[in-house]
Amino acid sequence: MAEEKKLTSASSSAKAMEDKKVTAGEEEKVKVPEKFKKLVEEIEKMAVADLAELVKILEKKFGVSAAPQVIAQAPTASQAAGAAPAEEKSIFNIELKEVGAKKIEVIKVVRDITQKGLKESKDLVDAAEKGPQVIKENVKKEEAEEIKKKFEAAGAKVELK
């Protein structure tokens, strides 16, 4: 019971601090209940690094999270009519579709990305002329976008799957 009381007061004081908003240079005053005034005053005196550490400790001790809750939105008309909304992918396979006119440049990009030798890279590009070839698998979105830009700069067409 004592731990629950501590958690309630800690979360209430955190809530009180969140409610303190700055708009156009003015601070909005929040009424702090008398029973939490001492705790809020102590928290206000703490450095930001100490507050972050305190939050982590409270999260571990009480098995709670200070992260904001995500509220699901009702599906829109188009979502309700169609399939469930697809999650955005974060891992991609990079597939070389077309080599283009600058075959040597594409071979250099393949060699750079795959860390393969010249012959293996050339064979991969030659095979891509006949049909799509996977260049790299399980790549994060940011890296995949960078690789795609390199291939496009060399005149090739790439698809992220």
N, C-alpha and C. Protein backbone atom coordinates (compact mmCIF):
# COMPACT_ATOMS: atom_id res chain seq x y z
N MET A 1 0.83 -1.19 0.00
CA MET A 1 0.00 0.00 0.00
C MET A 1 0.87 1.25 0.00
N ALA A 2 1.97 1.20 0.77
CA ALA A 2 2.85 2.35 0.82
C ALA A 2 3.49 2.60 -0.54
N GLU A 3 3.84 1.50 -1.26
CA GLU A 3 4.43 1.65 -2.58
C GLU A 3 3.42 2.26 -3.54
N GLU A 4 2.17 1.83 -3.45
CA GLU A 4 1.14 2.37 -4.33
C GLU A 4 0.98 3.87 -4.07
N LYS A 5 1.03 4.25 -2.79
CA LYS A 5 0.89 5.66 -2.44
C LYS A 5 2.05 6.46 -3.01
N LYS A 6 3.28 5.89 -2.93
CA LYS A 6 4.44 6.56 -3.48
C LYS A 6 4.30 6.72 -4.99
N LEU A 7 3.84 5.65 -5.65
CA LEU A 7 3.67 5.69 -7.09
C LEU A 7 2.64 6.74 -7.48
N THR A 8 1.55 6.78 -6.77
CA THR A 8 0.49 7.74 -7.06
C THR A 8 1.02 9.16 -6.91
N SER A 9 1.77 9.41 -5.85
CA SER A 9 2.28 10.75 -5.65
C SER A 9 3.34 11.10 -6.68
N ALA A 10 4.16 10.12 -7.05
CA ALA A 10 5.19 10.39 -8.06
C ALA A 10 4.55 10.64 -9.42
N SER A 11 3.56 9.84 -9.76
CA SER A 11 2.92 10.05 -11.06
C SER A 11 2.09 11.33 -11.06
N SER A 12 1.51 11.68 -9.92
CA SER A 12 0.75 12.92 -9.84
C SER A 12 1.66 14.12 -9.98
N SER A 13 2.84 14.04 -9.36
CA SER A 13 3.76 15.17 -9.47
C SER A 13 4.31 15.26 -10.88
N ALA A 14 4.53 14.10 -11.51
CA ALA A 14 4.98 14.13 -12.90
C ALA A 14 3.89 14.73 -13.77
N LYS A 15 2.65 14.37 -13.49
CA LYS A 15 1.51 14.91 -14.24
C LYS A 15 1.42 16.42 -14.02
N ALA A 16 1.66 16.84 -12.80
CA ALA A 16 1.61 18.27 -12.50
C ALA A 16 2.68 19.02 -13.29
N MET A 17 3.86 18.39 -13.41
CA MET A 17 4.92 19.03 -14.17
C MET A 17 4.58 19.06 -15.66
N GLU A 18 3.92 18.01 -16.16
CA GLU A 18 3.52 17.98 -17.56
C GLU A 18 2.48 19.05 -17.84
N ASP A 19 1.61 19.31 -16.87
CA ASP A 19 0.54 20.27 -17.06
C ASP A 19 1.06 21.70 -17.09
N LYS A 20 2.27 21.91 -16.66
CA LYS A 20 2.86 23.25 -16.67
C LYS A 20 3.35 23.53 -18.08
N LYS A 21 2.61 24.33 -18.82
CA LYS A 21 2.92 24.59 -20.22
C LYS A 21 3.35 26.04 -20.38
N VAL A 22 4.27 26.24 -21.32
CA VAL A 22 4.73 27.58 -21.62
C VAL A 22 4.14 27.98 -22.96
N THR A 23 3.38 29.08 -22.94
CA THR A 23 2.78 29.58 -24.18
C THR A 23 3.04 31.07 -24.27
N ALA A 24 3.65 31.47 -25.38
CA ALA A 24 3.93 32.89 -25.66
C ALA A 24 4.66 33.55 -24.51
N GLY A 25 5.64 32.83 -23.91
CA GLY A 25 6.46 33.40 -22.86
C GLY A 25 5.80 33.40 -21.49
N GLU A 26 4.57 32.94 -21.37
CA GLU A 26 3.88 32.91 -20.09
C GLU A 26 3.82 31.49 -19.56
N GLU A 27 3.94 31.34 -18.25
CA GLU A 27 3.79 30.05 -17.63
C GLU A 27 2.37 29.91 -17.13
N GLU A 28 1.77 28.80 -17.43
CA GLU A 28 0.42 28.53 -16.96
C GLU A 28 0.55 27.91 -15.57
N LYS A 29 -0.10 28.47 -14.60
CA LYS A 29 -0.02 27.98 -13.23
C LYS A 29 -0.92 26.76 -13.06
N VAL A 30 -0.37 25.78 -12.35
CA VAL A 30 -1.12 24.56 -12.07
C VAL A 30 -1.31 24.47 -10.57
N LYS A 31 -2.52 24.18 -10.15
CA LYS A 31 -2.79 24.06 -8.72
C LYS A 31 -2.33 22.68 -8.27
N VAL A 32 -1.36 22.69 -7.35
CA VAL A 32 -0.81 21.45 -6.81
C VAL A 32 -1.52 21.16 -5.50
N PRO A 33 -2.10 19.97 -5.35
CA PRO A 33 -2.75 19.62 -4.08
C PRO A 33 -1.76 19.74 -2.92
N GLU A 34 -2.25 20.12 -1.78
CA GLU A 34 -1.42 20.34 -0.60
C GLU A 34 -0.56 19.13 -0.25
N LYS A 35 -1.12 17.93 -0.40
CA LYS A 35 -0.38 16.72 -0.01
C LYS A 35 0.82 16.45 -0.93
N PHE A 36 0.89 17.10 -2.12
CA PHE A 36 1.99 16.86 -3.05
C PHE A 36 2.94 18.05 -3.16
N LYS A 37 2.66 19.14 -2.47
CA LYS A 37 3.47 20.35 -2.61
C LYS A 37 4.94 20.11 -2.30
N LYS A 38 5.22 19.42 -1.21
CA LYS A 38 6.60 19.19 -0.81
C LYS A 38 7.33 18.36 -1.87
N LEU A 39 6.67 17.32 -2.37
CA LEU A 39 7.26 16.46 -3.38
C LEU A 39 7.51 17.23 -4.68
N VAL A 40 6.55 18.03 -5.09
CA VAL A 40 6.69 18.82 -6.32
C VAL A 40 7.82 19.82 -6.17
N GLU A 41 7.95 20.45 -5.01
CA GLU A 41 9.04 21.40 -4.78
C GLU A 41 10.39 20.72 -4.89
N GLU A 42 10.51 19.50 -4.33
CA GLU A 42 11.76 18.75 -4.42
C GLU A 42 12.08 18.40 -5.88
N ILE A 43 11.07 18.00 -6.62
CA ILE A 43 11.27 17.64 -8.02
C ILE A 43 11.68 18.86 -8.84
N GLU A 44 11.09 20.01 -8.55
CA GLU A 44 11.44 21.24 -9.27
C GLU A 44 12.90 21.63 -9.07
N LYS A 45 13.48 21.28 -7.93
CA LYS A 45 14.87 21.61 -7.62
C LYS A 45 15.86 20.69 -8.33
N MET A 46 15.38 19.53 -8.81
CA MET A 46 16.27 18.52 -9.39
C MET A 46 16.74 18.91 -10.79
N ALA A 47 17.93 18.44 -11.14
CA ALA A 47 18.47 18.63 -12.49
C ALA A 47 17.75 17.69 -13.44
N VAL A 48 17.77 18.02 -14.72
CA VAL A 48 17.08 17.21 -15.72
C VAL A 48 17.64 15.78 -15.75
N ALA A 49 18.95 15.64 -15.63
CA ALA A 49 19.56 14.30 -15.64
C ALA A 49 19.08 13.48 -14.45
N ASP A 50 18.96 14.13 -13.29
CA ASP A 50 18.47 13.43 -12.11
C ASP A 50 17.00 13.03 -12.27
N LEU A 51 16.22 13.89 -12.91
CA LEU A 51 14.81 13.57 -13.16
C LEU A 51 14.67 12.36 -14.08
N ALA A 52 15.52 12.32 -15.11
CA ALA A 52 15.48 11.19 -16.03
C ALA A 52 15.82 9.90 -15.30
N GLU A 53 16.82 9.96 -14.42
CA GLU A 53 17.22 8.79 -13.65
C GLU A 53 16.09 8.37 -12.70
N LEU A 54 15.44 9.33 -12.08
CA LEU A 54 14.32 9.05 -11.18
C LEU A 54 13.19 8.35 -11.93
N VAL A 55 12.88 8.83 -13.12
CA VAL A 55 11.81 8.22 -13.91
C VAL A 55 12.15 6.76 -14.22
N LYS A 56 13.40 6.50 -14.60
CA LYS A 56 13.81 5.12 -14.90
C LYS A 56 13.68 4.23 -13.67
N ILE A 57 14.08 4.74 -12.53
CA ILE A 57 13.99 3.97 -11.28
C ILE A 57 12.53 3.65 -10.96
N LEU A 58 11.66 4.65 -11.08
CA LEU A 58 10.24 4.43 -10.80
C LEU A 58 9.62 3.43 -11.78
N GLU A 59 10.04 3.51 -13.03
CA GLU A 59 9.53 2.56 -14.02
C GLU A 59 9.92 1.13 -13.65
N LYS A 60 11.18 0.95 -13.26
CA LYS A 60 11.64 -0.39 -12.90
C LYS A 60 10.99 -0.89 -11.61
N LYS A 61 10.95 -0.03 -10.61
CA LYS A 61 10.45 -0.43 -9.29
C LYS A 61 8.97 -0.82 -9.34
N PHE A 62 8.18 -0.08 -10.09
CA PHE A 62 6.74 -0.31 -10.08
C PHE A 62 6.22 -0.97 -11.35
N GLY A 63 7.11 -1.26 -12.29
CA GLY A 63 6.69 -1.93 -13.51
C GLY A 63 5.75 -1.11 -14.36
N VAL A 64 5.96 0.19 -14.39
CA VAL A 64 5.12 1.08 -15.18
C VAL A 64 5.98 1.78 -16.23
N SER A 65 5.33 2.49 -17.14
CA SER A 65 6.05 3.22 -18.16
C SER A 65 5.59 4.67 -18.17
N ALA A 66 6.56 5.57 -18.33
CA ALA A 66 6.24 7.00 -18.40
C ALA A 66 5.98 7.42 -19.84
N ALA A 67 6.06 6.47 -20.77
CA ALA A 67 5.83 6.79 -22.18
C ALA A 67 4.36 7.13 -22.40
N PRO A 68 4.09 8.07 -23.28
CA PRO A 68 2.69 8.43 -23.55
C PRO A 68 1.95 7.25 -24.18
N GLN A 69 0.69 7.13 -23.86
CA GLN A 69 -0.14 6.06 -24.40
C GLN A 69 -0.60 6.43 -25.80
N VAL A 70 -0.57 5.47 -26.70
CA VAL A 70 -1.04 5.69 -28.06
C VAL A 70 -2.49 5.25 -28.12
N ILE A 71 -3.33 6.15 -28.58
CA ILE A 71 -4.76 5.87 -28.66
C ILE A 71 -5.09 5.52 -30.10
N ALA A 72 -5.70 4.36 -30.29
CA ALA A 72 -6.06 3.93 -31.64
C ALA A 72 -7.20 4.79 -32.16
N GLN A 73 -7.11 5.15 -33.43
CA GLN A 73 -8.15 5.95 -34.05
C GLN A 73 -9.14 5.02 -34.73
N ALA A 74 -10.36 5.48 -34.83
CA ALA A 74 -11.38 4.71 -35.55
C ALA A 74 -10.98 4.67 -37.02
N PRO A 75 -11.20 3.54 -37.69
CA PRO A 75 -10.82 3.46 -39.10
C PRO A 75 -11.61 4.44 -39.96
N THR A 76 -10.95 4.97 -40.97
CA THR A 76 -11.63 5.87 -41.89
C THR A 76 -12.52 5.05 -42.82
N ALA A 77 -13.33 5.71 -43.61
CA ALA A 77 -14.25 5.01 -44.49
C ALA A 77 -13.50 4.11 -45.47
N SER A 78 -12.39 4.61 -46.01
CA SER A 78 -11.63 3.81 -46.98
C SER A 78 -10.98 2.61 -46.30
N GLN A 79 -10.53 2.76 -45.06
CA GLN A 79 -9.94 1.65 -44.33
C GLN A 79 -10.99 0.63 -43.95
N ALA A 80 -12.16 1.11 -43.58
CA ALA A 80 -13.23 0.20 -43.19
C ALA A 80 -13.69 -0.62 -44.39
N ALA A 81 -13.72 -0.02 -45.56
CA ALA A 81 -14.16 -0.72 -46.77
C ALA A 81 -13.10 -1.70 -47.25
N GLY A 82 -11.83 -1.33 -47.11
CA GLY A 82 -10.74 -2.17 -47.61
C GLY A 82 -10.19 -3.07 -46.52
N ALA A 83 -8.98 -3.51 -46.75
CA ALA A 83 -8.32 -4.40 -45.79
C ALA A 83 -7.80 -3.59 -44.60
N ALA A 84 -7.30 -4.30 -43.62
CA ALA A 84 -6.74 -3.65 -42.44
C ALA A 84 -5.55 -2.80 -42.87
N PRO A 85 -5.30 -1.69 -42.17
CA PRO A 85 -4.19 -0.83 -42.57
C PRO A 85 -2.86 -1.58 -42.44
N ALA A 86 -2.03 -1.46 -43.46
CA ALA A 86 -0.74 -2.15 -43.47
C ALA A 86 0.26 -1.36 -42.64
N GLU A 87 1.09 -2.07 -41.90
CA GLU A 87 2.13 -1.42 -41.13
C GLU A 87 3.25 -1.02 -42.08
N GLU A 88 3.91 0.09 -41.77
CA GLU A 88 5.01 0.53 -42.60
C GLU A 88 6.19 -0.39 -42.38
N LYS A 89 6.79 -0.84 -43.47
CA LYS A 89 7.92 -1.76 -43.38
C LYS A 89 9.15 -1.00 -42.89
N SER A 90 9.99 -1.69 -42.15
CA SER A 90 11.23 -1.08 -41.70
C SER A 90 12.45 -1.87 -42.19
N ILE A 91 12.22 -3.09 -42.71
CA ILE A 91 13.29 -3.93 -43.24
C ILE A 91 12.97 -4.23 -44.71
N PHE A 92 13.97 -4.05 -45.58
CA PHE A 92 13.74 -4.22 -47.00
C PHE A 92 14.79 -5.13 -47.64
N ASN A 93 14.42 -5.72 -48.77
CA ASN A 93 15.35 -6.40 -49.65
C ASN A 93 15.51 -5.50 -50.86
N ILE A 94 16.75 -5.34 -51.32
CA ILE A 94 17.03 -4.46 -52.44
C ILE A 94 17.17 -5.32 -53.69
N GLU A 95 16.31 -5.06 -54.67
CA GLU A 95 16.28 -5.86 -55.89
C GLU A 95 16.64 -4.98 -57.09
N LEU A 96 17.66 -5.40 -57.82
CA LEU A 96 18.10 -4.69 -59.02
C LEU A 96 17.22 -5.12 -60.18
N LYS A 97 16.43 -4.19 -60.72
CA LYS A 97 15.48 -4.49 -61.80
C LYS A 97 16.11 -4.31 -63.17
N GLU A 98 16.72 -3.14 -63.41
CA GLU A 98 17.31 -2.81 -64.71
C GLU A 98 18.68 -2.19 -64.48
N VAL A 99 19.63 -2.55 -65.34
CA VAL A 99 20.99 -2.06 -65.19
C VAL A 99 21.14 -0.67 -65.78
N GLY A 100 20.55 -0.42 -66.93
CA GLY A 100 20.67 0.89 -67.57
C GLY A 100 21.89 0.95 -68.46
N ALA A 101 22.24 2.16 -68.93
CA ALA A 101 23.32 2.35 -69.89
C ALA A 101 24.71 2.34 -69.25
N LYS A 102 24.80 2.67 -67.98
CA LYS A 102 26.11 2.77 -67.31
C LYS A 102 26.39 1.48 -66.52
N LYS A 103 26.61 0.40 -67.24
CA LYS A 103 26.80 -0.92 -66.61
C LYS A 103 28.01 -0.93 -65.67
N ILE A 104 29.10 -0.30 -66.07
CA ILE A 104 30.31 -0.28 -65.24
C ILE A 104 30.06 0.44 -63.92
N GLU A 105 29.31 1.55 -63.97
CA GLU A 105 28.98 2.29 -62.75
C GLU A 105 28.12 1.44 -61.82
N VAL A 106 27.19 0.69 -62.39
CA VAL A 106 26.32 -0.18 -61.59
C VAL A 106 27.14 -1.28 -60.95
N ILE A 107 28.10 -1.84 -61.69
CA ILE A 107 28.97 -2.88 -61.13
C ILE A 107 29.75 -2.32 -59.95
N LYS A 108 30.24 -1.09 -60.07
CA LYS A 108 30.97 -0.45 -58.96
C LYS A 108 30.09 -0.30 -57.73
N VAL A 109 28.82 0.10 -57.94
CA VAL A 109 27.91 0.27 -56.82
C VAL A 109 27.62 -1.09 -56.17
N VAL A 110 27.38 -2.12 -56.98
CA VAL A 110 27.14 -3.47 -56.45
C VAL A 110 28.34 -3.93 -55.64
N ARG A 111 29.51 -3.71 -56.18
CA ARG A 111 30.75 -4.12 -55.49
C ARG A 111 30.89 -3.40 -54.15
N ASP A 112 30.60 -2.12 -54.16
CA ASP A 112 30.70 -1.32 -52.94
C ASP A 112 29.70 -1.78 -51.88
N ILE A 113 28.48 -2.05 -52.29
CA ILE A 113 27.41 -2.40 -51.35
C ILE A 113 27.56 -3.82 -50.83
N THR A 114 27.87 -4.76 -51.72
CA THR A 114 27.91 -6.17 -51.32
C THR A 114 29.26 -6.61 -50.78
N GLN A 115 30.28 -5.81 -51.00
CA GLN A 115 31.65 -6.15 -50.60
C GLN A 115 32.14 -7.42 -51.30
N LYS A 116 31.59 -7.67 -52.49
CA LYS A 116 32.02 -8.82 -53.29
C LYS A 116 33.14 -8.37 -54.22
N GLY A 117 33.78 -9.35 -54.83
CA GLY A 117 34.83 -9.06 -55.78
C GLY A 117 34.27 -8.56 -57.10
N LEU A 118 35.16 -8.16 -57.99
CA LEU A 118 34.76 -7.62 -59.28
C LEU A 118 33.99 -8.65 -60.10
N LYS A 119 34.47 -9.88 -60.17
CA LYS A 119 33.83 -10.91 -60.98
C LYS A 119 32.43 -11.22 -60.46
N GLU A 120 32.29 -11.38 -59.13
CA GLU A 120 30.98 -11.68 -58.55
C GLU A 120 30.00 -10.54 -58.79
N SER A 121 30.48 -9.31 -58.65
CA SER A 121 29.62 -8.14 -58.88
C SER A 121 29.19 -8.07 -60.34
N LYS A 122 30.13 -8.33 -61.27
CA LYS A 122 29.81 -8.31 -62.70
C LYS A 122 28.80 -9.40 -63.02
N ASP A 123 28.99 -10.59 -62.46
CA ASP A 123 28.05 -11.69 -62.70
C ASP A 123 26.65 -11.34 -62.20
N LEU A 124 26.59 -10.68 -61.06
CA LEU A 124 25.30 -10.28 -60.49
C LEU A 124 24.60 -9.26 -61.39
N VAL A 125 25.35 -8.30 -61.91
CA VAL A 125 24.79 -7.28 -62.80
C VAL A 125 24.37 -7.92 -64.13
N ASP A 126 25.19 -8.85 -64.64
CA ASP A 126 24.82 -9.56 -65.87
C ASP A 126 23.52 -10.33 -65.68
N ALA A 127 23.37 -10.98 -64.54
CA ALA A 127 22.15 -11.73 -64.26
C ALA A 127 20.95 -10.79 -64.14
N ALA A 128 21.18 -9.58 -63.64
CA ALA A 128 20.09 -8.61 -63.49
C ALA A 128 19.58 -8.13 -64.85
N GLU A 129 20.42 -8.23 -65.88
CA GLU A 129 19.98 -7.85 -67.23
C GLU A 129 18.94 -8.84 -67.75
N LYS A 130 19.01 -10.08 -67.26
CA LYS A 130 18.07 -11.13 -67.69
C LYS A 130 16.82 -11.15 -66.82
N GLY A 131 16.97 -10.80 -65.56
CA GLY A 131 15.84 -10.80 -64.63
C GLY A 131 16.25 -10.15 -63.33
N PRO A 132 15.28 -9.71 -62.52
CA PRO A 132 15.59 -9.03 -61.26
C PRO A 132 16.47 -9.88 -60.33
N GLN A 133 17.41 -9.23 -59.67
CA GLN A 133 18.32 -9.90 -58.76
C GLN A 133 18.33 -9.18 -57.41
N VAL A 134 18.29 -9.96 -56.33
CA VAL A 134 18.36 -9.39 -54.99
C VAL A 134 19.82 -9.05 -54.71
N ILE A 135 20.06 -7.79 -54.41
CA ILE A 135 21.42 -7.32 -54.14
C ILE A 135 21.76 -7.45 -52.67
N LYS A 136 20.84 -7.06 -51.82
CA LYS A 136 21.07 -7.11 -50.38
C LYS A 136 19.75 -7.37 -49.68
N GLU A 137 19.79 -8.19 -48.62
CA GLU A 137 18.58 -8.55 -47.89
C GLU A 137 18.60 -7.97 -46.48
N ASN A 138 17.39 -7.79 -45.93
CA ASN A 138 17.20 -7.35 -44.53
C ASN A 138 17.95 -6.06 -44.22
N VAL A 139 17.66 -5.03 -45.00
CA VAL A 139 18.30 -3.74 -44.83
C VAL A 139 17.30 -2.78 -44.21
N LYS A 140 17.77 -1.96 -43.25
CA LYS A 140 16.91 -0.96 -42.62
C LYS A 140 16.51 0.09 -43.64
N LYS A 141 15.39 0.73 -43.39
CA LYS A 141 14.79 1.67 -44.34
C LYS A 141 15.75 2.78 -44.76
N GLU A 142 16.44 3.40 -43.80
CA GLU A 142 17.34 4.51 -44.12
C GLU A 142 18.46 4.05 -45.05
N GLU A 143 19.07 2.91 -44.71
CA GLU A 143 20.16 2.39 -45.52
C GLU A 143 19.66 1.99 -46.91
N ALA A 144 18.47 1.40 -46.97
CA ALA A 144 17.89 0.99 -48.24
C ALA A 144 17.66 2.20 -49.15
N GLU A 145 17.19 3.29 -48.57
CA GLU A 145 16.97 4.51 -49.36
C GLU A 145 18.29 5.06 -49.91
N GLU A 146 19.35 5.01 -49.09
CA GLU A 146 20.66 5.49 -49.54
C GLU A 146 21.18 4.63 -50.69
N ILE A 147 21.04 3.31 -50.55
CA ILE A 147 21.49 2.39 -51.60
C ILE A 147 20.71 2.63 -52.89
N LYS A 148 19.41 2.83 -52.75
CA LYS A 148 18.57 3.09 -53.93
C LYS A 148 19.06 4.34 -54.66
N LYS A 149 19.40 5.39 -53.90
CA LYS A 149 19.90 6.62 -54.51
C LYS A 149 21.21 6.38 -55.27
N LYS A 150 22.08 5.55 -54.70
CA LYS A 150 23.36 5.24 -55.37
C LYS A 150 23.11 4.55 -56.70
N PHE A 151 22.21 3.57 -56.70
CA PHE A 151 21.91 2.86 -57.94
C PHE A 151 21.27 3.78 -58.97
N GLU A 152 20.36 4.62 -58.53
CA GLU A 152 19.71 5.54 -59.46
C GLU A 152 20.69 6.54 -60.04
N ALA A 153 21.69 6.96 -59.23
CA ALA A 153 22.72 7.86 -59.72
C ALA A 153 23.57 7.17 -60.79
N ALA A 154 23.71 5.85 -60.67
CA ALA A 154 24.48 5.08 -61.66
C ALA A 154 23.64 4.70 -62.87
N GLY A 155 22.35 5.05 -62.87
CA GLY A 155 21.48 4.78 -64.00
C GLY A 155 20.70 3.49 -63.93
N ALA A 156 20.72 2.81 -62.78
CA ALA A 156 19.99 1.54 -62.63
C ALA A 156 18.64 1.79 -62.00
N LYS A 157 17.76 0.80 -62.14
CA LYS A 157 16.45 0.86 -61.49
C LYS A 157 16.42 -0.21 -60.42
N VAL A 158 16.04 0.22 -59.20
CA VAL A 158 16.03 -0.67 -58.04
C VAL A 158 14.66 -0.64 -57.40
N GLU A 159 14.26 -1.77 -56.84
CA GLU A 159 12.99 -1.84 -56.13
C GLU A 159 13.26 -2.31 -54.71
N LEU A 160 12.61 -1.66 -53.74
CA LEU A 160 12.72 -2.06 -52.35
C LEU A 160 11.52 -2.93 -52.02
N LYS A 161 11.78 -4.14 -51.58
CA LYS A 161 10.69 -5.07 -51.27
C LYS A 161 10.74 -5.46 -49.81
